[in-house]
Amino acid sequence: AAIAGYRHKHNLHSGRFIYIDDLAT
């Protein structure tokens, strides 16, 4: 029915966070 693709990222602006690359239904 639906997918979500994510990865962990780390940058100066946000520190460590999860970034959602793909979200679709």
mmCIF file of all heavy atoms, coordinates in Angstrom:
data_MODEL
# 
_entry.id   MODEL 
# 
loop_
_atom_site.group_PDB 
_atom_site.id 
_atom_site.type_symbol 
_atom_site.label_atom_id 
_atom_site.label_alt_id 
_atom_site.label_comp_id 
_atom_site.label_asym_id 
_atom_site.label_entity_id 
_atom_site.label_seq_id 
_atom_site.pdbx_PDB_ins_code 
_atom_site.Cartn_x 
_atom_site.Cartn_y 
_atom_site.Cartn_z 
_atom_site.occupancy 
_atom_site.B_iso_or_equiv 
_atom_site.pdbx_formal_charge 
_atom_site.auth_seq_id 
_atom_site.auth_comp_id 
_atom_site.auth_asym_id 
_atom_site.auth_atom_id 
_atom_site.pdbx_PDB_model_num 
ATOM 1   N N   . ALA A 1 1  ? 0.817  -1.207 0.000  1.00 0.00 ? 1  ALA A N   1 
ATOM 2   C CA  . ALA A 1 1  ? 0.000  0.000  0.000  1.00 0.00 ? 1  ALA A CA  1 
ATOM 3   C C   . ALA A 1 1  ? 0.851  1.257  0.000  1.00 0.00 ? 1  ALA A C   1 
ATOM 4   O O   . ALA A 1 1  ? 0.509  2.253  -0.645 1.00 0.00 ? 1  ALA A O   1 
ATOM 5   C CB  . ALA A 1 1  ? -0.923 0.012  1.214  1.00 0.00 ? 1  ALA A CB  1 
ATOM 6   N N   . ALA A 1 2  ? 1.964  1.234  0.747  1.00 0.00 ? 2  ALA A N   1 
ATOM 7   C CA  . ALA A 1 2  ? 2.787  2.437  0.893  1.00 0.00 ? 2  ALA A CA  1 
ATOM 8   C C   . ALA A 1 2  ? 4.222  2.058  1.240  1.00 0.00 ? 2  ALA A C   1 
ATOM 9   O O   . ALA A 1 2  ? 4.467  1.008  1.834  1.00 0.00 ? 2  ALA A O   1 
ATOM 10  C CB  . ALA A 1 2  ? 2.206  3.341  1.974  1.00 0.00 ? 2  ALA A CB  1 
ATOM 11  N N   . ILE A 1 3  ? 5.136  2.961  0.874  1.00 0.00 ? 3  ILE A N   1 
ATOM 12  C CA  . ILE A 1 3  ? 6.562  2.756  1.169  1.00 0.00 ? 3  ILE A CA  1 
ATOM 13  C C   . ILE A 1 3  ? 7.154  4.021  1.768  1.00 0.00 ? 3  ILE A C   1 
ATOM 14  O O   . ILE A 1 3  ? 6.636  5.122  1.551  1.00 0.00 ? 3  ILE A O   1 
ATOM 15  C CB  . ILE A 1 3  ? 7.370  2.350  -0.084 1.00 0.00 ? 3  ILE A CB  1 
ATOM 16  C CG1 . ILE A 1 3  ? 7.340  3.444  -1.182 1.00 0.00 ? 3  ILE A CG1 1 
ATOM 17  C CG2 . ILE A 1 3  ? 6.864  1.037  -0.662 1.00 0.00 ? 3  ILE A CG2 1 
ATOM 18  C CD1 . ILE A 1 3  ? 8.528  4.346  -1.177 1.00 0.00 ? 3  ILE A CD1 1 
ATOM 19  N N   . ALA A 1 4  ? 8.227  3.844  2.508  1.00 0.00 ? 4  ALA A N   1 
ATOM 20  C CA  . ALA A 1 4  ? 9.022  4.974  2.982  1.00 0.00 ? 4  ALA A CA  1 
ATOM 21  C C   . ALA A 1 4  ? 10.480 4.542  2.972  1.00 0.00 ? 4  ALA A C   1 
ATOM 22  O O   . ALA A 1 4  ? 10.822 3.481  3.492  1.00 0.00 ? 4  ALA A O   1 
ATOM 23  C CB  . ALA A 1 4  ? 8.611  5.399  4.391  1.00 0.00 ? 4  ALA A CB  1 
ATOM 24  N N   . GLY A 1 5  ? 11.319 5.346  2.379  1.00 0.00 ? 5  GLY A N   1 
ATOM 25  C CA  . GLY A 1 5  ? 12.746 5.088  2.372  1.00 0.00 ? 5  GLY A CA  1 
ATOM 26  C C   . GLY A 1 5  ? 13.454 6.193  3.118  1.00 0.00 ? 5  GLY A C   1 
ATOM 27  O O   . GLY A 1 5  ? 13.168 7.378  2.912  1.00 0.00 ? 5  GLY A O   1 
ATOM 28  N N   . TYR A 1 6  ? 14.344 5.822  4.016  1.00 0.00 ? 6  TYR A N   1 
ATOM 29  C CA  . TYR A 1 6  ? 15.048 6.821  4.815  1.00 0.00 ? 6  TYR A CA  1 
ATOM 30  C C   . TYR A 1 6  ? 16.487 6.413  5.044  1.00 0.00 ? 6  TYR A C   1 
ATOM 31  O O   . TYR A 1 6  ? 16.877 5.283  4.830  1.00 0.00 ? 6  TYR A O   1 
ATOM 32  C CB  . TYR A 1 6  ? 14.327 7.048  6.155  1.00 0.00 ? 6  TYR A CB  1 
ATOM 33  C CG  . TYR A 1 6  ? 14.513 5.927  7.154  1.00 0.00 ? 6  TYR A CG  1 
ATOM 34  C CD1 . TYR A 1 6  ? 15.538 5.975  8.096  1.00 0.00 ? 6  TYR A CD1 1 
ATOM 35  C CD2 . TYR A 1 6  ? 13.678 4.814  7.158  1.00 0.00 ? 6  TYR A CD2 1 
ATOM 36  C CE1 . TYR A 1 6  ? 15.725 4.947  9.011  1.00 0.00 ? 6  TYR A CE1 1 
ATOM 37  C CE2 . TYR A 1 6  ? 13.852 3.788  8.064  1.00 0.00 ? 6  TYR A CE2 1 
ATOM 38  C CZ  . TYR A 1 6  ? 14.877 3.857  8.987  1.00 0.00 ? 6  TYR A CZ  1 
ATOM 39  O OH  . TYR A 1 6  ? 15.068 2.835  9.889  1.00 0.00 ? 6  TYR A OH  1 
ATOM 40  N N   . ARG A 1 7  ? 17.260 7.388  5.509  1.00 0.00 ? 7  ARG A N   1 
ATOM 41  C CA  . ARG A 1 7  ? 18.655 7.145  5.876  1.00 0.00 ? 7  ARG A CA  1 
ATOM 42  C C   . ARG A 1 7  ? 19.031 8.082  7.013  1.00 0.00 ? 7  ARG A C   1 
ATOM 43  O O   . ARG A 1 7  ? 18.353 9.078  7.258  1.00 0.00 ? 7  ARG A O   1 
ATOM 44  C CB  . ARG A 1 7  ? 19.586 7.302  4.697  1.00 0.00 ? 7  ARG A CB  1 
ATOM 45  C CG  . ARG A 1 7  ? 19.644 8.697  4.139  1.00 0.00 ? 7  ARG A CG  1 
ATOM 46  C CD  . ARG A 1 7  ? 20.508 8.824  2.887  1.00 0.00 ? 7  ARG A CD  1 
ATOM 47  N NE  . ARG A 1 7  ? 19.816 8.316  1.723  1.00 0.00 ? 7  ARG A NE  1 
ATOM 48  C CZ  . ARG A 1 7  ? 20.361 7.474  0.850  1.00 0.00 ? 7  ARG A CZ  1 
ATOM 49  N NH1 . ARG A 1 7  ? 21.581 7.044  0.997  1.00 0.00 ? 7  ARG A NH1 1 
ATOM 50  N NH2 . ARG A 1 7  ? 19.684 7.050  -0.188 1.00 0.00 ? 7  ARG A NH2 1 
ATOM 51  N N   . HIS A 1 8  ? 20.088 7.738  7.681  1.00 0.00 ? 8  HIS A N   1 
ATOM 52  C CA  . HIS A 1 8  ? 20.618 8.597  8.745  1.00 0.00 ? 8  HIS A CA  1 
ATOM 53  C C   . HIS A 1 8  ? 21.611 9.571  8.110  1.00 0.00 ? 8  HIS A C   1 
ATOM 54  O O   . HIS A 1 8  ? 22.399 9.178  7.252  1.00 0.00 ? 8  HIS A O   1 
ATOM 55  C CB  . HIS A 1 8  ? 21.322 7.758  9.805  1.00 0.00 ? 8  HIS A CB  1 
ATOM 56  C CG  . HIS A 1 8  ? 20.383 6.921  10.600 1.00 0.00 ? 8  HIS A CG  1 
ATOM 57  N ND1 . HIS A 1 8  ? 19.865 5.720  10.142 1.00 0.00 ? 8  HIS A ND1 1 
ATOM 58  C CD2 . HIS A 1 8  ? 19.834 7.126  11.807 1.00 0.00 ? 8  HIS A CD2 1 
ATOM 59  C CE1 . HIS A 1 8  ? 19.057 5.226  11.050 1.00 0.00 ? 8  HIS A CE1 1 
ATOM 60  N NE2 . HIS A 1 8  ? 19.017 6.053  12.083 1.00 0.00 ? 8  HIS A NE2 1 
ATOM 61  N N   . LYS A 1 9  ? 21.542 10.815 8.543  1.00 0.00 ? 9  LYS A N   1 
ATOM 62  C CA  . LYS A 1 9  ? 22.463 11.827 8.039  1.00 0.00 ? 9  LYS A CA  1 
ATOM 63  C C   . LYS A 1 9  ? 23.059 12.599 9.208  1.00 0.00 ? 9  LYS A C   1 
ATOM 64  O O   . LYS A 1 9  ? 22.525 12.581 10.320 1.00 0.00 ? 9  LYS A O   1 
ATOM 65  C CB  . LYS A 1 9  ? 21.748 12.788 7.093  1.00 0.00 ? 9  LYS A CB  1 
ATOM 66  C CG  . LYS A 1 9  ? 21.400 12.179 5.750  1.00 0.00 ? 9  LYS A CG  1 
ATOM 67  C CD  . LYS A 1 9  ? 20.968 13.249 4.778  1.00 0.00 ? 9  LYS A CD  1 
ATOM 68  C CE  . LYS A 1 9  ? 20.958 12.706 3.368  1.00 0.00 ? 9  LYS A CE  1 
ATOM 69  N NZ  . LYS A 1 9  ? 20.797 13.790 2.392  1.00 0.00 ? 9  LYS A NZ  1 
ATOM 70  N N   . HIS A 1 10 ? 24.128 13.292 8.891  1.00 0.00 ? 10 HIS A N   1 
ATOM 71  C CA  . HIS A 1 10 ? 24.817 14.101 9.892  1.00 0.00 ? 10 HIS A CA  1 
ATOM 72  C C   . HIS A 1 10 ? 25.406 15.294 9.163  1.00 0.00 ? 10 HIS A C   1 
ATOM 73  O O   . HIS A 1 10 ? 26.193 15.125 8.223  1.00 0.00 ? 10 HIS A O   1 
ATOM 74  C CB  . HIS A 1 10 ? 25.917 13.255 10.539 1.00 0.00 ? 10 HIS A CB  1 
ATOM 75  C CG  . HIS A 1 10 ? 26.576 13.907 11.697 1.00 0.00 ? 10 HIS A CG  1 
ATOM 76  N ND1 . HIS A 1 10 ? 27.770 13.469 12.193 1.00 0.00 ? 10 HIS A ND1 1 
ATOM 77  C CD2 . HIS A 1 10 ? 26.247 14.966 12.468 1.00 0.00 ? 10 HIS A CD2 1 
ATOM 78  C CE1 . HIS A 1 10 ? 28.137 14.203 13.219 1.00 0.00 ? 10 HIS A CE1 1 
ATOM 79  N NE2 . HIS A 1 10 ? 27.230 15.131 13.399 1.00 0.00 ? 10 HIS A NE2 1 
ATOM 80  N N   . ASN A 1 11 ? 24.995 16.499 9.570  1.00 0.00 ? 11 ASN A N   1 
ATOM 81  C CA  . ASN A 1 11 ? 25.571 17.694 8.967  1.00 0.00 ? 11 ASN A CA  1 
ATOM 82  C C   . ASN A 1 11 ? 25.691 18.806 9.996  1.00 0.00 ? 11 ASN A C   1 
ATOM 83  O O   . ASN A 1 11 ? 25.190 18.685 11.121 1.00 0.00 ? 11 ASN A O   1 
ATOM 84  C CB  . ASN A 1 11 ? 24.793 18.132 7.712  1.00 0.00 ? 11 ASN A CB  1 
ATOM 85  C CG  . ASN A 1 11 ? 23.364 18.545 7.993  1.00 0.00 ? 11 ASN A CG  1 
ATOM 86  O OD1 . ASN A 1 11 ? 23.017 19.008 9.083  1.00 0.00 ? 11 ASN A OD1 1 
ATOM 87  N ND2 . ASN A 1 11 ? 22.514 18.401 6.988  1.00 0.00 ? 11 ASN A ND2 1 
ATOM 88  N N   . LEU A 1 12 ? 26.356 19.890 9.627  1.00 0.00 ? 12 LEU A N   1 
ATOM 89  C CA  . LEU A 1 12 ? 26.564 20.996 10.548 1.00 0.00 ? 12 LEU A CA  1 
ATOM 90  C C   . LEU A 1 12 ? 25.262 21.704 10.902 1.00 0.00 ? 12 LEU A C   1 
ATOM 91  O O   . LEU A 1 12 ? 25.076 22.153 12.028 1.00 0.00 ? 12 LEU A O   1 
ATOM 92  C CB  . LEU A 1 12 ? 27.557 22.003 9.950  1.00 0.00 ? 12 LEU A CB  1 
ATOM 93  C CG  . LEU A 1 12 ? 28.998 21.512 9.814  1.00 0.00 ? 12 LEU A CG  1 
ATOM 94  C CD1 . LEU A 1 12 ? 29.831 22.534 9.072  1.00 0.00 ? 12 LEU A CD1 1 
ATOM 95  C CD2 . LEU A 1 12 ? 29.594 21.194 11.177 1.00 0.00 ? 12 LEU A CD2 1 
ATOM 96  N N   . HIS A 1 13 ? 24.365 21.792 9.955  1.00 0.00 ? 13 HIS A N   1 
ATOM 97  C CA  . HIS A 1 13 ? 23.108 22.509 10.176 1.00 0.00 ? 13 HIS A CA  1 
ATOM 98  C C   . HIS A 1 13 ? 22.216 21.830 11.207 1.00 0.00 ? 13 HIS A C   1 
ATOM 99  O O   . HIS A 1 13 ? 21.688 22.457 12.115 1.00 0.00 ? 13 HIS A O   1 
ATOM 100 C CB  . HIS A 1 13 ? 22.351 22.663 8.853  1.00 0.00 ? 13 HIS A CB  1 
ATOM 101 C CG  . HIS A 1 13 ? 21.018 23.316 8.998  1.00 0.00 ? 13 HIS A CG  1 
ATOM 102 N ND1 . HIS A 1 13 ? 19.865 22.600 9.208  1.00 0.00 ? 13 HIS A ND1 1 
ATOM 103 C CD2 . HIS A 1 13 ? 20.670 24.617 8.997  1.00 0.00 ? 13 HIS A CD2 1 
ATOM 104 C CE1 . HIS A 1 13 ? 18.855 23.437 9.313  1.00 0.00 ? 13 HIS A CE1 1 
ATOM 105 N NE2 . HIS A 1 13 ? 19.320 24.670 9.194  1.00 0.00 ? 13 HIS A NE2 1 
ATOM 106 N N   . SER A 1 14 ? 22.033 20.528 11.085 1.00 0.00 ? 14 SER A N   1 
ATOM 107 C CA  . SER A 1 14 ? 21.049 19.814 11.902 1.00 0.00 ? 14 SER A CA  1 
ATOM 108 C C   . SER A 1 14 ? 21.646 18.800 12.865 1.00 0.00 ? 14 SER A C   1 
ATOM 109 O O   . SER A 1 14 ? 20.918 18.206 13.643 1.00 0.00 ? 14 SER A O   1 
ATOM 110 C CB  . SER A 1 14 ? 20.054 19.089 10.991 1.00 0.00 ? 14 SER A CB  1 
ATOM 111 O OG  . SER A 1 14 ? 19.385 20.011 10.153 1.00 0.00 ? 14 SER A OG  1 
ATOM 112 N N   . GLY A 1 15 ? 22.939 18.556 12.788 1.00 0.00 ? 15 GLY A N   1 
ATOM 113 C CA  . GLY A 1 15 ? 23.518 17.494 13.595 1.00 0.00 ? 15 GLY A CA  1 
ATOM 114 C C   . GLY A 1 15 ? 23.129 16.142 13.016 1.00 0.00 ? 15 GLY A C   1 
ATOM 115 O O   . GLY A 1 15 ? 23.067 15.969 11.807 1.00 0.00 ? 15 GLY A O   1 
ATOM 116 N N   . ARG A 1 16 ? 22.820 15.190 13.868 1.00 0.00 ? 16 ARG A N   1 
ATOM 117 C CA  . ARG A 1 16 ? 22.401 13.854 13.416 1.00 0.00 ? 16 ARG A CA  1 
ATOM 118 C C   . ARG A 1 16 ? 20.880 13.827 13.296 1.00 0.00 ? 16 ARG A C   1 
ATOM 119 O O   . ARG A 1 16 ? 20.175 14.280 14.200 1.00 0.00 ? 16 ARG A O   1 
ATOM 120 C CB  . ARG A 1 16 ? 22.868 12.787 14.391 1.00 0.00 ? 16 ARG A CB  1 
ATOM 121 C CG  . ARG A 1 16 ? 24.367 12.668 14.458 1.00 0.00 ? 16 ARG A CG  1 
ATOM 122 C CD  . ARG A 1 16 ? 24.819 11.478 15.318 1.00 0.00 ? 16 ARG A CD  1 
ATOM 123 N NE  . ARG A 1 16 ? 26.258 11.479 15.462 1.00 0.00 ? 16 ARG A NE  1 
ATOM 124 C CZ  . ARG A 1 16 ? 27.112 11.058 14.531 1.00 0.00 ? 16 ARG A CZ  1 
ATOM 125 N NH1 . ARG A 1 16 ? 26.670 10.575 13.394 1.00 0.00 ? 16 ARG A NH1 1 
ATOM 126 N NH2 . ARG A 1 16 ? 28.411 11.103 14.750 1.00 0.00 ? 16 ARG A NH2 1 
ATOM 127 N N   . PHE A 1 17 ? 20.389 13.262 12.194 1.00 0.00 ? 17 PHE A N   1 
ATOM 128 C CA  . PHE A 1 17 ? 18.949 13.232 11.956 1.00 0.00 ? 17 PHE A CA  1 
ATOM 129 C C   . PHE A 1 17 ? 18.598 12.120 10.981 1.00 0.00 ? 17 PHE A C   1 
ATOM 130 O O   . PHE A 1 17 ? 19.482 11.505 10.379 1.00 0.00 ? 17 PHE A O   1 
ATOM 131 C CB  . PHE A 1 17 ? 18.447 14.590 11.443 1.00 0.00 ? 17 PHE A CB  1 
ATOM 132 C CG  . PHE A 1 17 ? 19.038 15.009 10.111 1.00 0.00 ? 17 PHE A CG  1 
ATOM 133 C CD1 . PHE A 1 17 ? 18.334 14.823 8.938  1.00 0.00 ? 17 PHE A CD1 1 
ATOM 134 C CD2 . PHE A 1 17 ? 20.288 15.603 10.044 1.00 0.00 ? 17 PHE A CD2 1 
ATOM 135 C CE1 . PHE A 1 17 ? 18.868 15.222 7.710  1.00 0.00 ? 17 PHE A CE1 1 
ATOM 136 C CE2 . PHE A 1 17 ? 20.836 16.007 8.837  1.00 0.00 ? 17 PHE A CE2 1 
ATOM 137 C CZ  . PHE A 1 17 ? 20.122 15.816 7.662  1.00 0.00 ? 17 PHE A CZ  1 
ATOM 138 N N   . ILE A 1 18 ? 17.314 11.875 10.836 1.00 0.00 ? 18 ILE A N   1 
ATOM 139 C CA  . ILE A 1 18 ? 16.824 10.949 9.823  1.00 0.00 ? 18 ILE A CA  1 
ATOM 140 C C   . ILE A 1 18 ? 16.270 11.765 8.669  1.00 0.00 ? 18 ILE A C   1 
ATOM 141 O O   . ILE A 1 18 ? 15.517 12.723 8.867  1.00 0.00 ? 18 ILE A O   1 
ATOM 142 C CB  . ILE A 1 18 ? 15.743 10.005 10.392 1.00 0.00 ? 18 ILE A CB  1 
ATOM 143 C CG1 . ILE A 1 18 ? 16.390 8.992  11.349 1.00 0.00 ? 18 ILE A CG1 1 
ATOM 144 C CG2 . ILE A 1 18 ? 14.995 9.282  9.257  1.00 0.00 ? 18 ILE A CG2 1 
ATOM 145 C CD1 . ILE A 1 18 ? 15.423 8.014  11.978 1.00 0.00 ? 18 ILE A CD1 1 
ATOM 146 N N   . TYR A 1 19 ? 16.665 11.382 7.472  1.00 0.00 ? 19 TYR A N   1 
ATOM 147 C CA  . TYR A 1 19 ? 16.171 12.021 6.255  1.00 0.00 ? 19 TYR A CA  1 
ATOM 148 C C   . TYR A 1 19 ? 15.303 11.026 5.493  1.00 0.00 ? 19 TYR A C   1 
ATOM 149 O O   . TYR A 1 19 ? 15.751 9.917  5.190  1.00 0.00 ? 19 TYR A O   1 
ATOM 150 C CB  . TYR A 1 19 ? 17.325 12.496 5.362  1.00 0.00 ? 19 TYR A CB  1 
ATOM 151 C CG  . TYR A 1 19 ? 16.815 13.189 4.133  1.00 0.00 ? 19 TYR A CG  1 
ATOM 152 C CD1 . TYR A 1 19 ? 16.409 14.513 4.193  1.00 0.00 ? 19 TYR A CD1 1 
ATOM 153 C CD2 . TYR A 1 19 ? 16.690 12.505 2.935  1.00 0.00 ? 19 TYR A CD2 1 
ATOM 154 C CE1 . TYR A 1 19 ? 15.890 15.147 3.080  1.00 0.00 ? 19 TYR A CE1 1 
ATOM 155 C CE2 . TYR A 1 19 ? 16.179 13.132 1.813  1.00 0.00 ? 19 TYR A CE2 1 
ATOM 156 C CZ  . TYR A 1 19 ? 15.773 14.453 1.884  1.00 0.00 ? 19 TYR A CZ  1 
ATOM 157 O OH  . TYR A 1 19 ? 15.251 15.079 0.778  1.00 0.00 ? 19 TYR A OH  1 
ATOM 158 N N   . ILE A 1 20 ? 14.086 11.426 5.204  1.00 0.00 ? 20 ILE A N   1 
ATOM 159 C CA  . ILE A 1 20 ? 13.174 10.585 4.420  1.00 0.00 ? 20 ILE A CA  1 
ATOM 160 C C   . ILE A 1 20 ? 13.388 10.918 2.946  1.00 0.00 ? 20 ILE A C   1 
ATOM 161 O O   . ILE A 1 20 ? 13.058 12.011 2.496  1.00 0.00 ? 20 ILE A O   1 
ATOM 162 C CB  . ILE A 1 20 ? 11.712 10.805 4.840  1.00 0.00 ? 20 ILE A CB  1 
ATOM 163 C CG1 . ILE A 1 20 ? 11.526 10.458 6.319  1.00 0.00 ? 20 ILE A CG1 1 
ATOM 164 C CG2 . ILE A 1 20 ? 10.782 9.973  3.950  1.00 0.00 ? 20 ILE A CG2 1 
ATOM 165 C CD1 . ILE A 1 20 ? 10.152 10.814 6.882  1.00 0.00 ? 20 ILE A CD1 1 
ATOM 166 N N   . ASP A 1 21 ? 13.939 9.963  2.216  1.00 0.00 ? 21 ASP A N   1 
ATOM 167 C CA  . ASP A 1 21 ? 14.165 10.125 0.780  1.00 0.00 ? 21 ASP A CA  1 
ATOM 168 C C   . ASP A 1 21 ? 12.874 9.939  -0.012 1.00 0.00 ? 21 ASP A C   1 
ATOM 169 O O   . ASP A 1 21 ? 12.648 10.634 -1.002 1.00 0.00 ? 21 ASP A O   1 
ATOM 170 C CB  . ASP A 1 21 ? 15.147 9.057  0.261  1.00 0.00 ? 21 ASP A CB  1 
ATOM 171 C CG  . ASP A 1 21 ? 16.549 9.212  0.772  1.00 0.00 ? 21 ASP A CG  1 
ATOM 172 O OD1 . ASP A 1 21 ? 16.810 8.803  1.916  1.00 0.00 ? 21 ASP A OD1 1 
ATOM 173 O OD2 . ASP A 1 21 ? 17.387 9.734  0.013  1.00 0.00 ? 21 ASP A OD2 1 
ATOM 174 N N   . ASP A 1 22 ? 12.094 8.953  0.385  1.00 0.00 ? 22 ASP A N   1 
ATOM 175 C CA  . ASP A 1 22 ? 10.943 8.527  -0.405 1.00 0.00 ? 22 ASP A CA  1 
ATOM 176 C C   . ASP A 1 22 ? 9.767  8.222  0.517  1.00 0.00 ? 22 ASP A C   1 
ATOM 177 O O   . ASP A 1 22 ? 9.932  7.537  1.533  1.00 0.00 ? 22 ASP A O   1 
ATOM 178 C CB  . ASP A 1 22 ? 11.279 7.257  -1.201 1.00 0.00 ? 22 ASP A CB  1 
ATOM 179 C CG  . ASP A 1 22 ? 12.538 7.419  -2.031 1.00 0.00 ? 22 ASP A CG  1 
ATOM 180 O OD1 . ASP A 1 22 ? 12.541 8.275  -2.926 1.00 0.00 ? 22 ASP A OD1 1 
ATOM 181 O OD2 . ASP A 1 22 ? 13.514 6.688  -1.776 1.00 0.00 ? 22 ASP A OD2 1 
ATOM 182 N N   . LEU A 1 23 ? 8.592  8.714  0.150  1.00 0.00 ? 23 LEU A N   1 
ATOM 183 C CA  . LEU A 1 23 ? 7.356  8.375  0.849  1.00 0.00 ? 23 LEU A CA  1 
ATOM 184 C C   . LEU A 1 23 ? 6.257  8.384  -0.199 1.00 0.00 ? 23 LEU A C   1 
ATOM 185 O O   . LEU A 1 23 ? 6.037  9.405  -0.859 1.00 0.00 ? 23 LEU A O   1 
ATOM 186 C CB  . LEU A 1 23 ? 7.053  9.388  1.954  1.00 0.00 ? 23 LEU A CB  1 
ATOM 187 C CG  . LEU A 1 23 ? 5.775  9.159  2.747  1.00 0.00 ? 23 LEU A CG  1 
ATOM 188 C CD1 . LEU A 1 23 ? 5.859  7.865  3.554  1.00 0.00 ? 23 LEU A CD1 1 
ATOM 189 C CD2 . LEU A 1 23 ? 5.491  10.331 3.664  1.00 0.00 ? 23 LEU A CD2 1 
ATOM 190 N N   . ALA A 1 24 ? 5.621  7.249  -0.382 1.00 0.00 ? 24 ALA A N   1 
ATOM 191 C CA  . ALA A 1 24 ? 4.593  7.151  -1.416 1.00 0.00 ? 24 ALA A CA  1 
ATOM 192 C C   . ALA A 1 24 ? 3.536  6.134  -1.021 1.00 0.00 ? 24 ALA A C   1 
ATOM 193 O O   . ALA A 1 24 ? 3.838  5.137  -0.365 1.00 0.00 ? 24 ALA A O   1 
ATOM 194 C CB  . ALA A 1 24 ? 5.205  6.747  -2.755 1.00 0.00 ? 24 ALA A CB  1 
ATOM 195 N N   . THR A 1 25 ? 2.333  6.416  -1.449 1.00 0.00 ? 25 THR A N   1 
ATOM 196 C CA  . THR A 1 25 ? 1.202  5.508  -1.244 1.00 0.00 ? 25 THR A CA  1 
ATOM 197 C C   . THR A 1 25 ? 0.623  5.157  -2.601 1.00 0.00 ? 25 THR A C   1 
ATOM 198 O O   . THR A 1 25 ? 0.494  6.040  -3.473 1.00 0.00 ? 25 THR A O   1 
ATOM 199 C CB  . THR A 1 25 ? 0.120  6.179  -0.366 1.00 0.00 ? 25 THR A CB  1 
ATOM 200 O OG1 . THR A 1 25 ? 0.712  6.580  0.865  1.00 0.00 ? 25 THR A OG1 1 
ATOM 201 C CG2 . THR A 1 25 ? -1.033 5.233  -0.089 1.00 0.00 ? 25 THR A CG2 1 
# 
